[in-house]
Protein backbone atom coordinates (compact mmCIF):
# COMPACT_ATOMS: atom_id res chain seq x y z
CA MET A 1 126.16 195.70 -12.63
CA ALA A 2 122.72 197.24 -12.97
CA THR A 3 119.65 195.54 -14.31
CA VAL A 4 117.05 196.97 -16.66
CA THR A 5 115.04 198.36 -13.73
CA GLY A 6 118.10 200.13 -12.31
CA LEU A 7 118.14 198.01 -9.15
CA PRO A 8 121.15 195.87 -8.22
CA PRO A 9 120.69 192.09 -8.51
CA ALA A 10 119.49 190.27 -5.40
CA SER A 11 122.30 188.79 -3.35
CA THR A 12 122.19 185.09 -2.56
CA GLY A 13 124.90 185.07 0.10
CA ILE A 14 124.59 183.92 3.70
CA VAL A 15 124.36 187.49 4.97
CA ALA A 16 121.44 188.20 2.65
CA GLN A 17 119.69 185.04 3.85
CA GLU A 18 120.17 186.06 7.49
CA ASN A 19 118.77 189.54 6.78
CA ARG A 20 115.84 188.02 4.93
CA ARG A 21 115.11 185.73 7.88
CA ASN A 22 114.91 188.72 10.21
CA LEU A 23 112.47 190.58 7.96
CA VAL A 24 109.92 187.81 7.37
CA ALA A 25 106.81 187.85 9.55
CA LYS A 26 105.46 184.71 11.25
CA VAL A 27 108.84 182.93 11.26
CA CYS A 28 110.61 181.62 14.36
CA TYR A 29 113.99 183.26 14.95
CA SER A 30 115.51 180.06 16.36
CA CYS A 31 114.25 177.17 14.23
CA GLY A 32 112.72 178.94 11.21
CA LYS A 33 109.26 177.43 11.71
CA HIS A 34 106.77 179.18 9.42
CA PRO A 35 103.09 178.91 8.49
CA SER A 36 101.98 175.75 6.73
CA PHE A 37 99.25 175.74 4.13
CA GLY A 38 96.54 173.28 3.24
CA ASN A 39 92.84 172.77 2.86
CA ALA A 40 90.07 173.09 5.41
CA ARG A 41 87.63 170.26 4.83
CA SER A 42 83.97 170.72 5.68
CA HIS A 43 81.48 167.92 6.34
CA SER A 44 80.74 167.78 2.60
CA LEU A 45 84.52 167.60 1.95
CA ARG A 46 84.51 170.98 0.22
CA ALA A 47 88.12 172.22 0.18
CA THR A 48 88.91 175.84 1.04
CA ARG A 49 92.45 177.12 1.46
CA ARG A 50 93.70 177.91 4.95
CA ARG A 51 96.95 178.28 6.84
CA TRP A 52 98.23 177.03 10.18
CA ASN A 53 100.36 179.63 11.96
CA PRO A 54 103.06 178.67 14.46
CA ASN A 55 102.57 179.83 18.05
CA LEU A 56 105.05 182.72 18.04
CA GLN A 57 105.81 184.98 20.99
CA ARG A 58 107.78 188.23 20.95
CA ILE A 59 110.46 188.01 23.62
CA ARG A 60 113.71 189.74 24.51
CA ILE A 61 116.72 187.46 24.09
CA GLN A 62 120.33 187.80 25.19
CA GLU A 63 122.83 187.73 22.32
CA GLY A 64 126.29 188.43 23.67
CA PRO A 65 126.28 191.71 25.60
CA ALA A 66 123.22 193.04 23.75
CA THR A 67 119.53 192.23 24.03
CA LYS A 68 117.19 192.09 21.09
CA ARG A 69 113.45 191.53 20.64
CA VAL A 70 112.60 188.62 18.33
CA THR A 71 109.72 186.26 17.59
CA VAL A 72 110.28 182.71 18.86
CA CYS A 73 107.93 179.72 18.72
CA THR A 74 106.78 178.23 22.00
CA SER A 75 108.41 174.87 21.28
CA CYS A 76 111.82 176.61 21.18
CA LEU A 77 110.98 178.48 24.39
CA LYS A 78 110.06 175.23 26.16
CA ALA A 79 113.23 173.52 24.90
CA PHE A 80 115.44 176.48 26.03
CA LYS A 81 116.84 176.91 22.52
CA VAL A 82 117.09 180.68 23.12
CA GLN A 83 118.50 182.52 26.12
CA LYS A 84 115.91 184.96 27.45
CA ALA A 85 117.22 188.34 28.56
CA PRO A 86 117.09 189.10 32.29
CA PRO A 87 114.21 191.33 33.38
CA ARG A 88 114.78 195.04 33.11
CA VAL A 89 115.41 196.96 36.29
CA ALA A 90 112.78 199.63 36.88
CA PHE A 91 114.08 203.18 37.05
CA SER A 92 112.83 203.66 40.63
CA ASP A 93 114.52 200.40 41.78
CA GLN A 94 117.99 201.50 40.76
CA PRO A 95 120.19 202.74 43.61
CA SER A 96 120.84 206.44 43.41
CA ALA A 97 124.40 207.71 43.35
CA THR A 98 123.64 210.61 45.72
CA SER A 99 122.53 208.55 48.72
């Protein structure tokens, strides 16, 4: 089923929502925390629009046997809601097979 523009209609399934969550910037991978919007109020109470960003960090997490790099908010990191991946082994620290 094609639309007038020739593009297929947007899917509203769970898989599409998961893919959309991975593509959005400034969103926590674990809890979905995102920027909040409001007004900055000066001394004269003049309102200008602003946004409050969550404190997001890019970390490597362990998901099953694979590791992946995601953005997670610091409150989820402190609460251990994600399993961080073990540190990578440097190439020179690996035991060689010839010795």
